[in-house]
């Protein structure tokens, strides 16, 4: 029985690296994967996934209006797909997460989703909320705060390096915009110097 897996974490835990390794493992065995990256995230270029450690690969561009089940069904009809992988899954809609459950349940294809659990205000993203509710397996990927504790929160930084508490839920960025911290340091000022 195919399942939907949600690998979640704070920023900089290696989600994209694990996704790329998982896809490679399938391909090394002669199995075809279908990898999706959100249209909104163009940091690595449109239709590309790049990890912080330098791994990268092409991906199918996914917008919030796309029907993933239809796209996978079409691709699977042309050549069998062994696994569907989704990067930055927090940007999925609830309907798309439901479509992914149909990929697993109807087509029998495992679905591996990788994304943030919460935003910089400690609020669930819509895609993450749906995955937490509907995924068969929830797997936390861990990273650490500057203090050595497990980082579970994402802190957004302003141009001055200070934590921001207000703003749009989605602002694409990497290490220059966000830092993963433990809950204690999410509520405390960042160290200076």
C-alpha atoms as a PDB file:
ATOM      1  CA  UNK A   1       0.000   0.000   0.000  1.00  0.00           C
ATOM      2  CA  UNK A   2       1.422   3.377  -1.038  1.00  0.00           C
ATOM      3  CA  UNK A   3       1.516   6.138   1.561  1.00  0.00           C
ATOM      4  CA  UNK A   4       1.797   9.909   1.795  1.00  0.00           C
ATOM      5  CA  UNK A   5       4.795  10.972   3.872  1.00  0.00           C
ATOM      6  CA  UNK A   6       5.350  14.464   5.276  1.00  0.00           C
ATOM      7  CA  UNK A   7       8.949  15.293   6.182  1.00  0.00           C
ATOM      8  CA  UNK A   8       8.796  18.588   8.070  1.00  0.00           C
ATOM      9  CA  UNK A   9      11.191  20.802   9.963  1.00  0.00           C
ATOM     10  CA  UNK A  10      12.364  24.319  10.598  1.00  0.00           C
ATOM     11  CA  UNK A  11      14.592  26.043   8.035  1.00  0.00           C
ATOM     12  CA  UNK A  12      17.997  24.551   7.230  1.00  0.00           C
ATOM     13  CA  UNK A  13      17.356  20.974   8.333  1.00  0.00           C
ATOM     14  CA  UNK A  14      18.263  19.479   4.946  1.00  0.00           C
ATOM     15  CA  UNK A  15      14.792  18.815   3.541  1.00  0.00           C
ATOM     16  CA  UNK A  16      15.804  19.456  -0.081  1.00  0.00           C
ATOM     17  CA  UNK A  17      18.948  17.370   0.351  1.00  0.00           C
ATOM     18  CA  UNK A  18      16.909  14.417   1.638  1.00  0.00           C
ATOM     19  CA  UNK A  19      14.391  14.849  -1.210  1.00  0.00           C
ATOM     20  CA  UNK A  20      17.140  14.840  -3.842  1.00  0.00           C
ATOM     21  CA  UNK A  21      18.786  11.790  -2.254  1.00  0.00           C
ATOM     22  CA  UNK A  22      15.459   9.932  -2.147  1.00  0.00           C
ATOM     23  CA  UNK A  23      14.809  10.666  -5.817  1.00  0.00           C
ATOM     24  CA  UNK A  24      18.335   9.577  -6.711  1.00  0.00           C
ATOM     25  CA  UNK A  25      17.884   6.303  -4.812  1.00  0.00           C
ATOM     26  CA  UNK A  26      14.819   5.451  -6.911  1.00  0.00           C
ATOM     27  CA  UNK A  27      16.497   6.463 -10.157  1.00  0.00           C
ATOM     28  CA  UNK A  28      19.622   4.466  -9.352  1.00  0.00           C
ATOM     29  CA  UNK A  29      17.402   1.371  -9.287  1.00  0.00           C
ATOM     30  CA  UNK A  30      15.933   2.227 -12.688  1.00  0.00           C
ATOM     31  CA  UNK A  31      12.705   3.654 -11.269  1.00  0.00           C
ATOM     32  CA  UNK A  32      11.199   6.899 -12.533  1.00  0.00           C
ATOM     33  CA  UNK A  33      10.378   9.698 -10.117  1.00  0.00           C
ATOM     34  CA  UNK A  34       8.269  12.799 -10.601  1.00  0.00           C
ATOM     35  CA  UNK A  35       9.642  15.742  -8.620  1.00  0.00           C
ATOM     36  CA  UNK A  36       7.660  18.956  -8.087  1.00  0.00           C
ATOM     37  CA  UNK A  37       8.891  22.387  -6.997  1.00  0.00           C
ATOM     38  CA  UNK A  38       6.596  25.359  -6.349  1.00  0.00           C
ATOM     39  CA  UNK A  39       6.401  28.083  -8.994  1.00  0.00           C
ATOM     40  CA  UNK A  40       6.698  30.695  -6.238  1.00  0.00           C
ATOM     41  CA  UNK A  41      10.239  29.617  -5.235  1.00  0.00           C
ATOM     42  CA  UNK A  42      12.703  30.561  -7.969  1.00  0.00           C
ATOM     43  CA  UNK A  43      15.849  30.830  -5.823  1.00  0.00           C
ATOM     44  CA  UNK A  44      17.486  27.929  -7.724  1.00  0.00           C
ATOM     45  CA  UNK A  45      15.830  28.936 -10.996  1.00  0.00           C
ATOM     46  CA  UNK A  46      12.387  28.029 -12.255  1.00  0.00           C
ATOM     47  CA  UNK A  47      11.864  24.281 -12.184  1.00  0.00           C
ATOM     48  CA  UNK A  48      14.992  23.501 -10.143  1.00  0.00           C
ATOM     49  CA  UNK A  49      15.629  22.273  -6.630  1.00  0.00           C
ATOM     50  CA  UNK A  50      18.948  23.126  -5.002  1.00  0.00           C
ATOM     51  CA  UNK A  51      20.075  22.216  -1.517  1.00  0.00           C
ATOM     52  CA  UNK A  52      22.352  24.375   0.618  1.00  0.00           C
ATOM     53  CA  UNK A  53      25.139  21.798   0.253  1.00  0.00           C
ATOM     54  CA  UNK A  54      25.114  22.108  -3.543  1.00  0.00           C
ATOM     55  CA  UNK A  55      22.991  19.186  -4.744  1.00  0.00           C
ATOM     56  CA  UNK A  56      20.493  20.131  -7.425  1.00  0.00           C
ATOM     57  CA  UNK A  57      18.131  18.636  -9.968  1.00  0.00           C
ATOM     58  CA  UNK A  58      15.361  19.677 -12.346  1.00  0.00           C
ATOM     59  CA  UNK A  59      11.769  19.581 -11.161  1.00  0.00           C
ATOM     60  CA  UNK A  60       8.291  20.031 -12.568  1.00  0.00           C
ATOM     61  CA  UNK A  61       6.924  23.498 -11.774  1.00  0.00           C
ATOM     62  CA  UNK A  62       3.809  23.398  -9.623  1.00  0.00           C
ATOM     63  CA  UNK A  63       1.407  26.315  -9.232  1.00  0.00           C
ATOM     64  CA  UNK A  64      -1.433  26.467  -6.723  1.00  0.00           C
ATOM     65  CA  UNK A  65      -4.002  26.013  -9.514  1.00  0.00           C
ATOM     66  CA  UNK A  66      -2.485  22.760 -10.827  1.00  0.00           C
ATOM     67  CA  UNK A  67      -4.297  19.471 -10.326  1.00  0.00           C
ATOM     68  CA  UNK A  68      -1.486  17.191  -9.176  1.00  0.00           C
ATOM     69  CA  UNK A  69      -3.528  14.009  -9.518  1.00  0.00           C
ATOM     70  CA  UNK A  70      -4.240  14.764 -13.185  1.00  0.00           C
ATOM     71  CA  UNK A  71      -0.590  15.612 -13.875  1.00  0.00           C
ATOM     72  CA  UNK A  72       0.680  12.445 -12.208  1.00  0.00           C
ATOM     73  CA  UNK A  73      -1.960  10.319 -13.953  1.00  0.00           C
ATOM     74  CA  UNK A  74      -0.921  11.745 -17.345  1.00  0.00           C
ATOM     75  CA  UNK A  75       2.808  11.183 -16.676  1.00  0.00           C
ATOM     76  CA  UNK A  76       2.219   7.707 -15.261  1.00  0.00           C
ATOM     77  CA  UNK A  77       0.303   6.711 -18.431  1.00  0.00           C
ATOM     78  CA  UNK A  78       3.287   7.655 -20.613  1.00  0.00           C
ATOM     79  CA  UNK A  79       5.890   5.865 -18.445  1.00  0.00           C
ATOM     80  CA  UNK A  80       5.389   4.319 -14.990  1.00  0.00           C
ATOM     81  CA  UNK A  81       6.219   6.517 -12.008  1.00  0.00           C
ATOM     82  CA  UNK A  82       7.592   4.857  -8.883  1.00  0.00           C
ATOM     83  CA  UNK A  83       7.504   7.862  -6.546  1.00  0.00           C
ATOM     84  CA  UNK A  84       6.207  11.452  -6.431  1.00  0.00           C
ATOM     85  CA  UNK A  85       8.283  13.960  -4.457  1.00  0.00           C
ATOM     86  CA  UNK A  86       7.238  17.516  -3.545  1.00  0.00           C
ATOM     87  CA  UNK A  87       9.657  20.201  -2.343  1.00  0.00           C
ATOM     88  CA  UNK A  88       8.442  23.178  -0.271  1.00  0.00           C
ATOM     89  CA  UNK A  89       5.164  21.341   0.379  1.00  0.00           C
ATOM     90  CA  UNK A  90       3.991  24.061   2.767  1.00  0.00           C
ATOM     91  CA  UNK A  91       2.918  25.974  -0.373  1.00  0.00           C
ATOM     92  CA  UNK A  92       0.442  23.273  -1.453  1.00  0.00           C
ATOM     93  CA  UNK A  93      -3.265  23.946  -1.173  1.00  0.00           C
ATOM     94  CA  UNK A  94      -5.575  21.677   0.826  1.00  0.00           C
ATOM     95  CA  UNK A  95      -7.058  20.445  -2.474  1.00  0.00           C
ATOM     96  CA  UNK A  96      -3.584  19.536  -3.753  1.00  0.00           C
ATOM     97  CA  UNK A  97      -2.794  17.571  -0.598  1.00  0.00           C
ATOM     98  CA  UNK A  98      -6.064  15.690  -1.101  1.00  0.00           C
ATOM     99  CA  UNK A  99      -5.008  15.050  -4.714  1.00  0.00           C
ATOM    100  CA  UNK A 100      -1.729  13.605  -3.447  1.00  0.00           C
ATOM    101  CA  UNK A 101      -3.642  11.229  -1.183  1.00  0.00           C
ATOM    102  CA  UNK A 102      -5.475  10.027  -4.309  1.00  0.00           C
ATOM    103  CA  UNK A 103      -2.115   9.485  -6.030  1.00  0.00           C
ATOM    104  CA  UNK A 104      -1.159   7.129  -3.206  1.00  0.00           C
ATOM    105  CA  UNK A 105      -4.566   5.502  -2.722  1.00  0.00           C
ATOM    106  CA  UNK A 106      -5.751   5.221  -6.334  1.00  0.00           C
ATOM    107  CA  UNK A 107      -2.552   4.990  -8.371  1.00  0.00           C
ATOM    108  CA  UNK A 108      -0.535   3.151  -5.714  1.00  0.00           C
ATOM    109  CA  UNK A 109       2.394   5.587  -5.982  1.00  0.00           C
ATOM    110  CA  UNK A 110       4.196   6.684  -2.796  1.00  0.00           C
ATOM    111  CA  UNK A 111       4.232  10.448  -2.210  1.00  0.00           C
ATOM    112  CA  UNK A 112       7.067  12.113  -0.289  1.00  0.00           C
ATOM    113  CA  UNK A 113       6.427  15.748   0.726  1.00  0.00           C
ATOM    114  CA  UNK A 114       9.079  17.980   2.285  1.00  0.00           C
ATOM    115  CA  UNK A 115       8.334  21.337   3.857  1.00  0.00           C
ATOM    116  CA  UNK A 116       8.153  23.729   6.753  1.00  0.00           C
ATOM    117  CA  UNK A 117       5.625  23.100   9.474  1.00  0.00           C
ATOM    118  CA  UNK A 118       5.154  26.737  10.528  1.00  0.00           C
ATOM    119  CA  UNK A 119       5.891  30.245   9.318  1.00  0.00           C
ATOM    120  CA  UNK A 120       7.842  33.039  11.041  1.00  0.00           C
ATOM    121  CA  UNK A 121       4.831  33.794  13.273  1.00  0.00           C
ATOM    122  CA  UNK A 122       4.511  30.164  14.425  1.00  0.00           C
ATOM    123  CA  UNK A 123       1.379  29.669  12.295  1.00  0.00           C
ATOM    124  CA  UNK A 124       0.783  26.582  10.174  1.00  0.00           C
ATOM    125  CA  UNK A 125       1.042  26.980   6.419  1.00  0.00           C
ATOM    126  CA  UNK A 126      -2.091  25.716   4.596  1.00  0.00           C
ATOM    127  CA  UNK A 127      -0.185  22.882   2.911  1.00  0.00           C
ATOM    128  CA  UNK A 128       1.481  21.853   6.154  1.00  0.00           C
ATOM    129  CA  UNK A 129      -1.817  21.878   8.052  1.00  0.00           C
ATOM    130  CA  UNK A 130      -3.387  19.629   5.412  1.00  0.00           C
ATOM    131  CA  UNK A 131      -0.392  17.286   5.400  1.00  0.00           C
ATOM    132  CA  UNK A 132      -0.368  17.053   9.204  1.00  0.00           C
ATOM    133  CA  UNK A 133      -4.032  16.060   8.989  1.00  0.00           C
ATOM    134  CA  UNK A 134      -3.913  13.703   5.990  1.00  0.00           C
ATOM    135  CA  UNK A 135      -0.424  12.196   5.633  1.00  0.00           C
ATOM    136  CA  UNK A 136       0.058   8.582   6.646  1.00  0.00           C
ATOM    137  CA  UNK A 137       3.491   9.171   8.167  1.00  0.00           C
ATOM    138  CA  UNK A 138       4.875  12.345   9.765  1.00  0.00           C
ATOM    139  CA  UNK A 139       8.666  12.534   9.998  1.00  0.00           C
ATOM    140  CA  UNK A 140      10.466  15.402  11.681  1.00  0.00           C
ATOM    141  CA  UNK A 141      13.871  16.339  10.277  1.00  0.00           C
ATOM    142  CA  UNK A 142      15.908  18.041  12.945  1.00  0.00           C
ATOM    143  CA  UNK A 143      18.243  21.001  12.980  1.00  0.00           C
ATOM    144  CA  UNK A 144      19.747  22.989  15.837  1.00  0.00           C
ATOM    145  CA  UNK A 145      19.465  26.470  17.276  1.00  0.00           C
ATOM    146  CA  UNK A 146      22.596  28.553  17.907  1.00  0.00           C
ATOM    147  CA  UNK A 147      22.297  27.479  21.580  1.00  0.00           C
ATOM    148  CA  UNK A 148      22.493  23.766  20.699  1.00  0.00           C
ATOM    149  CA  UNK A 149      18.846  22.928  21.385  1.00  0.00           C
ATOM    150  CA  UNK A 150      16.582  21.491  18.695  1.00  0.00           C
ATOM    151  CA  UNK A 151      15.330  24.283  16.418  1.00  0.00           C
ATOM    152  CA  UNK A 152      11.594  24.113  15.807  1.00  0.00           C
ATOM    153  CA  UNK A 153      10.815  27.718  14.855  1.00  0.00           C
ATOM    154  CA  UNK A 154      11.614  29.968  11.877  1.00  0.00           C
ATOM    155  CA  UNK A 155      12.673  33.517  12.640  1.00  0.00           C
ATOM    156  CA  UNK A 156      12.418  36.106   9.842  1.00  0.00           C
ATOM    157  CA  UNK A 157      15.096  38.765   9.859  1.00  0.00           C
ATOM    158  CA  UNK A 158      14.821  42.340   8.681  1.00  0.00           C
ATOM    159  CA  UNK A 159      17.578  44.183   6.782  1.00  0.00           C
ATOM    160  CA  UNK A 160      19.014  45.269  10.144  1.00  0.00           C
ATOM    161  CA  UNK A 161      19.299  41.653  11.340  1.00  0.00           C
ATOM    162  CA  UNK A 162      16.489  42.024  13.882  1.00  0.00           C
ATOM    163  CA  UNK A 163      13.611  39.591  14.175  1.00  0.00           C
ATOM    164  CA  UNK A 164      10.413  40.563  12.376  1.00  0.00           C
ATOM    165  CA  UNK A 165       7.064  39.704  13.936  1.00  0.00           C
ATOM    166  CA  UNK A 166       4.722  41.076  11.255  1.00  0.00           C
ATOM    167  CA  UNK A 167       4.394  40.774   7.501  1.00  0.00           C
ATOM    168  CA  UNK A 168       3.118  38.513   4.753  1.00  0.00           C
ATOM    169  CA  UNK A 169       3.139  34.811   5.534  1.00  0.00           C
ATOM    170  CA  UNK A 170       5.164  34.028   2.419  1.00  0.00           C
ATOM    171  CA  UNK A 171       8.419  35.813   1.631  1.00  0.00           C
ATOM    172  CA  UNK A 172      10.848  33.575  -0.199  1.00  0.00           C
ATOM    173  CA  UNK A 173      14.355  33.599   1.217  1.00  0.00           C
ATOM    174  CA  UNK A 174      17.168  31.566   2.632  1.00  0.00           C
ATOM    175  CA  UNK A 175      19.840  32.125   5.260  1.00  0.00           C
ATOM    176  CA  UNK A 176      19.864  35.862   4.527  1.00  0.00           C
ATOM    177  CA  UNK A 177      16.180  36.138   5.587  1.00  0.00           C
ATOM    178  CA  UNK A 178      15.525  33.309   8.043  1.00  0.00           C
ATOM    179  CA  UNK A 179      17.173  31.523  10.914  1.00  0.00           C
ATOM    180  CA  UNK A 180      16.030  28.334  12.648  1.00  0.00           C
ATOM    181  CA  UNK A 181      15.801  28.689  16.417  1.00  0.00           C
ATOM    182  CA  UNK A 182      14.422  26.886  19.459  1.00  0.00           C
ATOM    183  CA  UNK A 183      11.161  28.155  20.953  1.00  0.00           C
ATOM    184  CA  UNK A 184      13.001  29.957  23.765  1.00  0.00           C
ATOM    185  CA  UNK A 185      15.087  31.987  21.313  1.00  0.00           C
ATOM    186  CA  UNK A 186      12.079  32.551  19.060  1.00  0.00           C
ATOM    187  CA  UNK A 187      10.662  34.664  21.889  1.00  0.00           C
ATOM    188  CA  UNK A 188      13.997  36.240  22.921  1.00  0.00           C
ATOM    189  CA  UNK A 189      16.192  38.684  21.031  1.00  0.00           C
ATOM    190  CA  UNK A 190      18.978  37.245  18.877  1.00  0.00           C
ATOM    191  CA  UNK A 191      22.533  37.533  20.184  1.00  0.00           C
ATOM    192  CA  UNK A 192      24.514  40.400  18.678  1.00  0.00           C
ATOM    193  CA  UNK A 193      28.073  40.496  17.474  1.00  0.00           C
END
